[in-house]
Amino acid sequence: MARRVIAAVAAILLASVGAFVLVGYVGGADQRAMAGMASTSVLVVRSPIAQGTPADQLIELVEPRELPAKTLVPGAVTTLDELTGLVATTDLQPGEQLLAARFANSVTETAPHAVEIPAGMQEVSVLLEPQRVVGGHLTAGDTVGVFISLSGEVPQTHLLLHKALVTQVQGAVPPPTTEGAATTGAVPAAELATTAESAPPTAAPSESVMVTLALTGPDAERLVFGSEHGTVWLSKQPADASTDGTRIVTPENVLQ
């Protein structure tokens, strides 16, 4: 009889301790979840904003929106007062969080430069997600590698184009400027690449990025085909980047 009483008391104690631990864990989980769900009011683009638009003209083009703290992009603007006297340095699309990094005292400070198109080349544009465009850290004058992936019975990926010249980037994170830089006219691609390499890390864009490349006719066909029937990924590929060992990668050899 005494053993049964002791066993019953022990069971009650264990159940009580278990319940206490469970309640504490659930409470902590709720607090962690609430911390991630805490919202902040930031400005989001409501209508397309053209490059060069002054901040004082954005009242009808943006709107405040409550977003979870974990989804906020560093540098998100909460009030237009933060942008007083500034202008947009790139085109902004609906749904984007308004970022201070995309505004400057003058559109010429960080506006994309024109680059000279090599003779015989044609320009082709592709719209890509930020992670497919080096996080949006590309600028006119850079050269890129173009990866094309095709699905099908045998999925495959290949670095198909090498050192393709970037002639324009829309929606990317604007690079910092150097004093005395030219503000109009075409500039050498090498000079633009040097400026971009010295840029400090900044927030990636939250929307797609439009990249325009100068390509030969056959290469333009390949890029368009890959964009229409597969997926495209760009790598920043400076002049000294090695392309040795590239091959068509398939499920059979990806781990080799």
C-alpha atoms as a PDB file:
ATOM      1  CA  MET A   1       0.000   0.000   0.000  1.00  0.00           C
ATOM      2  CA  ALA A   2       2.792   2.410   0.977  1.00  0.00           C
ATOM      3  CA  ARG A   3       4.579   1.706  -2.303  1.00  0.00           C
ATOM      4  CA  ARG A   4       1.455   2.576  -4.268  1.00  0.00           C
ATOM      5  CA  VAL A   5       1.091   5.858  -2.378  1.00  0.00           C
ATOM      6  CA  ILE A   6       4.746   6.739  -2.989  1.00  0.00           C
ATOM      7  CA  ALA A   7       4.433   5.847  -6.683  1.00  0.00           C
ATOM      8  CA  ALA A   8       1.299   7.974  -7.008  1.00  0.00           C
ATOM      9  CA  VAL A   9       2.948  10.947  -5.304  1.00  0.00           C
ATOM     10  CA  ALA A  10       6.034  10.580  -7.518  1.00  0.00           C
ATOM     11  CA  ALA A  11       3.864  10.468 -10.631  1.00  0.00           C
ATOM     12  CA  ILE A  12       2.024  13.619  -9.557  1.00  0.00           C
ATOM     13  CA  LEU A  13       5.316  15.416  -8.897  1.00  0.00           C
ATOM     14  CA  LEU A  14       6.757  14.370 -12.254  1.00  0.00           C
ATOM     15  CA  ALA A  15       3.604  15.477 -14.036  1.00  0.00           C
ATOM     16  CA  SER A  16       3.697  18.830 -12.259  1.00  0.00           C
ATOM     17  CA  VAL A  17       7.349  19.387 -13.132  1.00  0.00           C
ATOM     18  CA  GLY A  18       6.692  18.371 -16.736  1.00  0.00           C
ATOM     19  CA  ALA A  19       3.752  20.738 -16.993  1.00  0.00           C
ATOM     20  CA  PHE A  20       5.826  23.585 -15.536  1.00  0.00           C
ATOM     21  CA  VAL A  21       8.653  22.971 -18.004  1.00  0.00           C
ATOM     22  CA  LEU A  22       6.212  22.731 -20.917  1.00  0.00           C
ATOM     23  CA  VAL A  23       4.457  25.966 -19.968  1.00  0.00           C
ATOM     24  CA  GLY A  24       7.809  27.730 -19.659  1.00  0.00           C
ATOM     25  CA  TYR A  25       8.954  26.464 -23.055  1.00  0.00           C
ATOM     26  CA  VAL A  26       5.718  27.441 -24.773  1.00  0.00           C
ATOM     27  CA  GLY A  27       5.852  30.875 -23.162  1.00  0.00           C
ATOM     28  CA  GLY A  28       9.415  31.368 -24.353  1.00  0.00           C
ATOM     29  CA  ALA A  29       8.484  30.228 -27.857  1.00  0.00           C
ATOM     30  CA  ASP A  30       5.617  32.706 -27.911  1.00  0.00           C
ATOM     31  CA  GLN A  31       7.975  35.496 -26.875  1.00  0.00           C
ATOM     32  CA  ARG A  32      10.443  34.525 -29.591  1.00  0.00           C
ATOM     33  CA  ALA A  33       7.681  34.374 -32.169  1.00  0.00           C
ATOM     34  CA  MET A  34       6.309  37.744 -31.108  1.00  0.00           C
ATOM     35  CA  ALA A  35       9.786  39.261 -31.336  1.00  0.00           C
ATOM     36  CA  GLY A  36       9.997  38.115 -34.952  1.00  0.00           C
ATOM     37  CA  MET A  37       6.483  39.364 -35.672  1.00  0.00           C
ATOM     38  CA  ALA A  38       7.016  42.812 -34.153  1.00  0.00           C
ATOM     39  CA  SER A  39       6.140  45.236 -36.910  1.00  0.00           C
ATOM     40  CA  THR A  40       7.601  48.565 -37.963  1.00  0.00           C
ATOM     41  CA  SER A  41       6.051  51.179 -40.210  1.00  0.00           C
ATOM     42  CA  VAL A  42       8.215  51.886 -43.269  1.00  0.00           C
ATOM     43  CA  LEU A  43       7.592  53.559 -46.606  1.00  0.00           C
ATOM     44  CA  VAL A  44       6.920  51.299 -49.583  1.00  0.00           C
ATOM     45  CA  VAL A  45       6.785  52.319 -53.238  1.00  0.00           C
ATOM     46  CA  ARG A  46       3.168  52.453 -54.435  1.00  0.00           C
ATOM     47  CA  SER A  47       3.660  53.747 -57.994  1.00  0.00           C
ATOM     48  CA  PRO A  48       6.751  53.617 -60.238  1.00  0.00           C
ATOM     49  CA  ILE A  49       9.347  56.243 -59.329  1.00  0.00           C
ATOM     50  CA  ALA A  50      11.661  57.421 -62.081  1.00  0.00           C
ATOM     51  CA  GLN A  51      15.346  58.051 -61.552  1.00  0.00           C
ATOM     52  CA  GLY A  52      15.905  61.706 -60.671  1.00  0.00           C
ATOM     53  CA  THR A  53      12.561  62.188 -58.906  1.00  0.00           C
ATOM     54  CA  PRO A  54      12.981  64.598 -55.939  1.00  0.00           C
ATOM     55  CA  ALA A  55      11.988  63.229 -52.543  1.00  0.00           C
ATOM     56  CA  ASP A  56       9.509  66.072 -52.052  1.00  0.00           C
ATOM     57  CA  GLN A  57       7.475  64.674 -54.965  1.00  0.00           C
ATOM     58  CA  LEU A  58       7.088  61.198 -53.479  1.00  0.00           C
ATOM     59  CA  ILE A  59       4.079  61.881 -51.259  1.00  0.00           C
ATOM     60  CA  GLU A  60       1.628  60.340 -53.738  1.00  0.00           C
ATOM     61  CA  LEU A  61       4.049  57.656 -54.906  1.00  0.00           C
ATOM     62  CA  VAL A  62       4.771  55.919 -51.602  1.00  0.00           C
ATOM     63  CA  GLU A  63       2.721  54.693 -48.685  1.00  0.00           C
ATOM     64  CA  PRO A  64       3.431  53.615 -45.098  1.00  0.00           C
ATOM     65  CA  ARG A  65       3.156  49.908 -44.456  1.00  0.00           C
ATOM     66  CA  GLU A  66       3.517  47.800 -41.318  1.00  0.00           C
ATOM     67  CA  LEU A  67       6.095  45.081 -41.965  1.00  0.00           C
ATOM     68  CA  PRO A  68       7.537  42.384 -39.659  1.00  0.00           C
ATOM     69  CA  ALA A  69      10.863  43.514 -38.238  1.00  0.00           C
ATOM     70  CA  LYS A  70      12.633  40.479 -39.677  1.00  0.00           C
ATOM     71  CA  THR A  71      11.658  41.478 -43.229  1.00  0.00           C
ATOM     72  CA  LEU A  72      12.995  45.030 -43.056  1.00  0.00           C
ATOM     73  CA  VAL A  73      15.852  45.901 -45.393  1.00  0.00           C
ATOM     74  CA  PRO A  74      18.709  47.850 -43.743  1.00  0.00           C
ATOM     75  CA  GLY A  75      18.293  51.535 -44.512  1.00  0.00           C
ATOM     76  CA  ALA A  76      14.513  51.364 -44.946  1.00  0.00           C
ATOM     77  CA  VAL A  77      12.987  54.854 -44.754  1.00  0.00           C
ATOM     78  CA  THR A  78      10.231  55.529 -42.224  1.00  0.00           C
ATOM     79  CA  THR A  79       9.472  59.142 -43.144  1.00  0.00           C
ATOM     80  CA  LEU A  80      10.169  61.342 -46.166  1.00  0.00           C
ATOM     81  CA  ASP A  81      11.872  63.832 -43.862  1.00  0.00           C
ATOM     82  CA  GLU A  82      14.882  61.501 -43.977  1.00  0.00           C
ATOM     83  CA  LEU A  83      15.223  62.235 -47.711  1.00  0.00           C
ATOM     84  CA  THR A  84      14.832  66.008 -47.677  1.00  0.00           C
ATOM     85  CA  GLY A  85      16.747  67.581 -50.558  1.00  0.00           C
ATOM     86  CA  LEU A  86      17.609  64.229 -52.162  1.00  0.00           C
ATOM     87  CA  VAL A  87      16.648  62.641 -55.474  1.00  0.00           C
ATOM     88  CA  ALA A  88      16.227  59.019 -56.572  1.00  0.00           C
ATOM     89  CA  THR A  89      19.384  57.626 -58.136  1.00  0.00           C
ATOM     90  CA  THR A  90      17.624  54.715 -59.857  1.00  0.00           C
ATOM     91  CA  ASP A  91      14.170  53.658 -60.995  1.00  0.00           C
ATOM     92  CA  LEU A  92      12.043  52.245 -58.164  1.00  0.00           C
ATOM     93  CA  GLN A  93       9.235  49.738 -58.648  1.00  0.00           C
ATOM     94  CA  PRO A  94       5.963  49.195 -56.711  1.00  0.00           C
ATOM     95  CA  GLY A  95       6.374  46.961 -53.681  1.00  0.00           C
ATOM     96  CA  GLU A  96       9.964  47.966 -52.946  1.00  0.00           C
ATOM     97  CA  GLN A  97      10.869  49.275 -49.520  1.00  0.00           C
ATOM     98  CA  LEU A  98      12.105  52.850 -49.853  1.00  0.00           C
ATOM     99  CA  LEU A  99      15.842  52.787 -49.098  1.00  0.00           C
ATOM    100  CA  ALA A 100      18.014  55.761 -48.179  1.00  0.00           C
ATOM    101  CA  ALA A 101      20.878  54.208 -50.178  1.00  0.00           C
ATOM    102  CA  ARG A 102      18.951  54.877 -53.381  1.00  0.00           C
ATOM    103  CA  PHE A 103      18.855  58.632 -52.906  1.00  0.00           C
ATOM    104  CA  ALA A 104      21.574  61.273 -53.195  1.00  0.00           C
ATOM    105  CA  ASN A 105      22.016  65.043 -53.315  1.00  0.00           C
ATOM    106  CA  SER A 106      22.089  64.958 -57.103  1.00  0.00           C
ATOM    107  CA  VAL A 107      21.072  62.302 -59.570  1.00  0.00           C
ATOM    108  CA  THR A 108      24.434  62.753 -61.280  1.00  0.00           C
ATOM    109  CA  GLU A 109      26.257  61.590 -58.164  1.00  0.00           C
ATOM    110  CA  THR A 110      25.268  57.962 -58.489  1.00  0.00           C
ATOM    111  CA  ALA A 111      23.422  57.704 -61.781  1.00  0.00           C
ATOM    112  CA  PRO A 112      24.463  54.852 -64.073  1.00  0.00           C
ATOM    113  CA  HIS A 113      26.986  56.017 -66.669  1.00  0.00           C
ATOM    114  CA  ALA A 114      26.705  55.342 -70.345  1.00  0.00           C
ATOM    115  CA  VAL A 115      29.355  53.032 -71.738  1.00  0.00           C
ATOM    116  CA  GLU A 116      30.623  52.754 -75.252  1.00  0.00           C
ATOM    117  CA  ILE A 117      29.050  49.824 -77.080  1.00  0.00           C
ATOM    118  CA  PRO A 118      31.676  47.829 -79.011  1.00  0.00           C
ATOM    119  CA  ALA A 119      31.191  47.889 -82.763  1.00  0.00           C
ATOM    120  CA  GLY A 120      29.020  45.058 -84.051  1.00  0.00           C
ATOM    121  CA  MET A 121      27.464  44.364 -80.656  1.00  0.00           C
ATOM    122  CA  GLN A 122      23.780  44.576 -79.775  1.00  0.00           C
ATOM    123  CA  GLU A 123      22.157  45.219 -76.399  1.00  0.00           C
ATOM    124  CA  VAL A 124      19.888  42.670 -74.725  1.00  0.00           C
ATOM    125  CA  SER A 125      18.158  43.072 -71.357  1.00  0.00           C
ATOM    126  CA  VAL A 126      17.151  40.438 -68.807  1.00  0.00           C
ATOM    127  CA  LEU A 127      15.095  40.884 -65.635  1.00  0.00           C
ATOM    128  CA  LEU A 128      16.549  38.864 -62.758  1.00  0.00           C
ATOM    129  CA  GLU A 129      16.128  38.416 -59.014  1.00  0.00           C
ATOM    130  CA  PRO A 130      18.816  40.094 -56.864  1.00  0.00           C
ATOM    131  CA  GLN A 131      20.587  36.844 -55.946  1.00  0.00           C
ATOM    132  CA  ARG A 132      21.041  36.140 -59.665  1.00  0.00           C
ATOM    133  CA  VAL A 133      22.728  39.519 -60.188  1.00  0.00           C
ATOM    134  CA  VAL A 134      25.448  39.443 -57.497  1.00  0.00           C
ATOM    135  CA  GLY A 135      22.963  40.861 -54.985  1.00  0.00           C
ATOM    136  CA  GLY A 136      22.301  43.830 -57.256  1.00  0.00           C
ATOM    137  CA  HIS A 137      25.902  45.044 -56.947  1.00  0.00           C
ATOM    138  CA  LEU A 138      26.535  45.550 -60.641  1.00  0.00           C
ATOM    139  CA  THR A 139      27.105  48.756 -62.538  1.00  0.00           C
ATOM    140  CA  ALA A 140      27.534  49.786 -66.147  1.00  0.00           C
ATOM    141  CA  GLY A 141      31.047  48.916 -67.269  1.00  0.00           C
ATOM    142  CA  ASP A 142      31.283  45.670 -65.298  1.00  0.00           C
ATOM    143  CA  THR A 143      31.805  42.405 -67.143  1.00  0.00           C
ATOM    144  CA  VAL A 144      29.873  39.293 -66.191  1.00  0.00           C
ATOM    145  CA  GLY A 145      29.722  35.592 -66.769  1.00  0.00           C
ATOM    146  CA  VAL A 146      26.352  34.214 -67.868  1.00  0.00           C
ATOM    147  CA  PHE A 147      25.210  30.861 -66.485  1.00  0.00           C
ATOM    148  CA  ILE A 148      22.244  29.212 -68.189  1.00  0.00           C
ATOM    149  CA  SER A 149      20.364  26.300 -66.630  1.00  0.00           C
ATOM    150  CA  LEU A 150      17.909  24.145 -68.576  1.00  0.00           C
ATOM    151  CA  SER A 151      15.502  21.620 -67.128  1.00  0.00           C
ATOM    152  CA  GLY A 152      14.288  18.499 -68.882  1.00  0.00           C
ATOM    153  CA  GLU A 153      15.116  14.826 -68.792  1.00  0.00           C
ATOM    154  CA  VAL A 154      18.704  15.771 -67.945  1.00  0.00           C
ATOM    155  CA  PRO A 155      18.898  19.154 -66.133  1.00  0.00           C
ATOM    156  CA  GLN A 156      22.105  21.009 -66.902  1.00  0.00           C
ATOM    157  CA  THR A 157      23.927  24.238 -66.092  1.00  0.00           C
ATOM    158  CA  HIS A 158      26.779  25.844 -67.989  1.00  0.00           C
ATOM    159  CA  LEU A 159      28.809  29.052 -67.795  1.00  0.00           C
ATOM    160  CA  LEU A 160      27.970  29.830 -71.393  1.00  0.00           C
ATOM    161  CA  LEU A 161      29.109  33.435 -71.895  1.00  0.00           C
ATOM    162  CA  HIS A 162      32.277  35.031 -70.579  1.00  0.00           C
ATOM    163  CA  LYS A 163      33.094  38.650 -69.725  1.00  0.00           C
ATOM    164  CA  ALA A 164      29.919  40.096 -71.231  1.00  0.00           C
ATOM    165  CA  LEU A 165      29.886  43.899 -70.962  1.00  0.00           C
ATOM    166  CA  VAL A 166      27.176  45.438 -68.755  1.00  0.00           C
ATOM    167  CA  THR A 167      25.852  48.612 -70.394  1.00  0.00           C
ATOM    168  CA  GLN A 168      23.036  49.478 -67.996  1.00  0.00           C
ATOM    169  CA  VAL A 169      21.603  48.319 -64.668  1.00  0.00           C
ATOM    170  CA  GLN A 170      18.176  49.375 -63.422  1.00  0.00           C
ATOM    171  CA  GLY A 171      17.001  48.701 -59.882  1.00  0.00           C
ATOM    172  CA  ALA A 172      20.460  47.863 -58.516  1.00  0.00           C
ATOM    173  CA  VAL A 173      22.072  49.256 -55.391  1.00  0.00           C
ATOM    174  CA  PRO A 174      23.763  52.495 -56.533  1.00  0.00           C
ATOM    175  CA  PRO A 175      27.562  52.527 -56.113  1.00  0.00           C
ATOM    176  CA  PRO A 176      29.301  55.308 -54.159  1.00  0.00           C
ATOM    177  CA  THR A 177      30.940  58.071 -56.133  1.00  0.00           C
ATOM    178  CA  THR A 178      34.404  59.510 -56.187  1.00  0.00           C
ATOM    179  CA  GLU A 179      34.996  63.242 -56.165  1.00  0.00           C
ATOM    180  CA  GLY A 180      35.703  64.704 -59.551  1.00  0.00           C
ATOM    181  CA  ALA A 181      34.023  61.850 -61.403  1.00  0.00           C
ATOM    182  CA  ALA A 182      32.448  62.759 -64.706  1.00  0.00           C
ATOM    183  CA  THR A 183      28.707  63.228 -64.544  1.00  0.00           C
ATOM    184  CA  THR A 184      27.793  63.192 -68.200  1.00  0.00           C
ATOM    185  CA  GLY A 185      28.801  61.382 -71.355  1.00  0.00           C
ATOM    186  CA  ALA A 186      30.321  57.965 -71.906  1.00  0.00           C
ATOM    187  CA  VAL A 187      33.178  56.841 -69.705  1.00  0.00           C
ATOM    188  CA  PRO A 188      35.668  53.994 -70.100  1.00  0.00           C
ATOM    189  CA  ALA A 189      34.440  50.646 -68.786  1.00  0.00           C
ATOM    190  CA  ALA A 190      37.695  50.089 -66.873  1.00  0.00           C
ATOM    191  CA  GLU A 191      37.179  53.304 -64.899  1.00  0.00           C
ATOM    192  CA  LEU A 192      33.646  52.276 -63.957  1.00  0.00           C
ATOM    193  CA  ALA A 193      34.783  48.826 -62.856  1.00  0.00           C
ATOM    194  CA  THR A 194      37.460  50.336 -60.598  1.00  0.00           C
ATOM    195  CA  THR A 195      34.889  52.547 -58.893  1.00  0.00           C
ATOM    196  CA  ALA A 196      32.524  49.617 -58.357  1.00  0.00           C
ATOM    197  CA  GLU A 197      35.254  47.442 -56.825  1.00  0.00           C
ATOM    198  CA  SER A 198      35.865  50.049 -54.118  1.00  0.00           C
ATOM    199  CA  ALA A 199      32.196  50.217 -53.134  1.00  0.00           C
ATOM    200  CA  PRO A 200      31.419  49.278 -49.515  1.00  0.00           C
ATOM    201  CA  PRO A 201      28.768  46.603 -48.810  1.00  0.00           C
ATOM    202  CA  THR A 202      25.204  47.897 -48.888  1.00  0.00           C
ATOM    203  CA  ALA A 203      21.737  46.415 -48.714  1.00  0.00           C
ATOM    204  CA  ALA A 204      20.592  44.261 -51.622  1.00  0.00           C
ATOM    205  CA  PRO A 205      17.587  45.393 -53.641  1.00  0.00           C
ATOM    206  CA  SER A 206      14.243  43.893 -52.650  1.00  0.00           C
ATOM    207  CA  GLU A 207      12.895  43.641 -56.190  1.00  0.00           C
ATOM    208  CA  SER A 208      14.113  42.344 -59.555  1.00  0.00           C
ATOM    209  CA  VAL A 209      17.024  43.999 -61.344  1.00  0.00           C
ATOM    210  CA  MET A 210      17.133  44.780 -65.074  1.00  0.00           C
ATOM    211  CA  VAL A 211      20.561  44.167 -66.592  1.00  0.00           C
ATOM    212  CA  THR A 212      21.464  45.119 -70.168  1.00  0.00           C
ATOM    213  CA  LEU A 213      24.420  43.417 -71.857  1.00  0.00           C
ATOM    214  CA  ALA A 214      26.311  44.110 -75.083  1.00  0.00           C
ATOM    215  CA  LEU A 215      26.528  40.834 -77.001  1.00  0.00           C
ATOM    216  CA  THR A 216      27.224  39.424 -80.425  1.00  0.00           C
ATOM    217  CA  GLY A 217      24.248  38.116 -82.372  1.00  0.00           C
ATOM    218  CA  PRO A 218      24.877  34.425 -81.550  1.00  0.00           C
ATOM    219  CA  ASP A 219      25.457  35.171 -77.859  1.00  0.00           C
ATOM    220  CA  ALA A 220      22.294  37.281 -77.747  1.00  0.00           C
ATOM    221  CA  GLU A 221      20.374  34.294 -79.126  1.00  0.00           C
ATOM    222  CA  ARG A 222      21.766  32.064 -76.378  1.00  0.00           C
ATOM    223  CA  LEU A 223      20.863  34.515 -73.646  1.00  0.00           C
ATOM    224  CA  VAL A 224      17.318  34.985 -74.926  1.00  0.00           C
ATOM    225  CA  PHE A 225      16.844  31.229 -75.272  1.00  0.00           C
ATOM    226  CA  GLY A 226      18.089  30.645 -71.738  1.00  0.00           C
ATOM    227  CA  SER A 227      15.815  33.356 -70.374  1.00  0.00           C
ATOM    228  CA  GLU A 228      12.781  32.025 -72.257  1.00  0.00           C
ATOM    229  CA  HIS A 229      13.265  28.299 -71.663  1.00  0.00           C
ATOM    230  CA  GLY A 230      15.427  28.079 -68.552  1.00  0.00           C
ATOM    231  CA  THR A 231      17.012  30.280 -65.909  1.00  0.00           C
ATOM    232  CA  VAL A 232      19.863  32.782 -66.017  1.00  0.00           C
ATOM    233  CA  TRP A 233      22.460  33.571 -63.358  1.00  0.00           C
ATOM    234  CA  LEU A 234      25.172  36.223 -63.626  1.00  0.00           C
ATOM    235  CA  SER A 235      28.593  36.297 -61.975  1.00  0.00           C
ATOM    236  CA  LYS A 236      30.813  39.340 -61.707  1.00  0.00           C
ATOM    237  CA  GLN A 237      33.677  38.377 -63.995  1.00  0.00           C
ATOM    238  CA  PRO A 238      36.540  40.902 -64.188  1.00  0.00           C
ATOM    239  CA  ALA A 239      39.168  40.725 -66.901  1.00  0.00           C
ATOM    240  CA  ASP A 240      41.513  38.549 -64.823  1.00  0.00           C
ATOM    241  CA  ALA A 241      38.837  36.038 -63.754  1.00  0.00           C
ATOM    242  CA  SER A 242      39.735  32.464 -64.688  1.00  0.00           C
ATOM    243  CA  THR A 243      37.261  30.307 -66.605  1.00  0.00           C
ATOM    244  CA  ASP A 244      39.425  27.184 -66.615  1.00  0.00           C
ATOM    245  CA  GLY A 245      37.651  23.930 -65.883  1.00  0.00           C
ATOM    246  CA  THR A 246      34.133  25.072 -66.720  1.00  0.00           C
ATOM    247  CA  ARG A 247      31.895  22.391 -68.180  1.00  0.00           C
ATOM    248  CA  ILE A 248      28.264  21.433 -68.617  1.00  0.00           C
ATOM    249  CA  VAL A 249      27.126  20.345 -65.151  1.00  0.00           C
ATOM    250  CA  THR A 250      24.470  17.620 -64.845  1.00  0.00           C
ATOM    251  CA  PRO A 251      23.123  15.542 -61.940  1.00  0.00           C
ATOM    252  CA  GLU A 252      25.590  12.815 -62.919  1.00  0.00           C
ATOM    253  CA  ASN A 253      28.744  14.916 -62.597  1.00  0.00           C
ATOM    254  CA  VAL A 254      27.842  17.757 -60.212  1.00  0.00           C
ATOM    255  CA  LEU A 255      29.646  16.040 -57.326  1.00  0.00           C
ATOM    256  CA  GLN A 256      32.698  15.014 -59.329  1.00  0.00           C
END
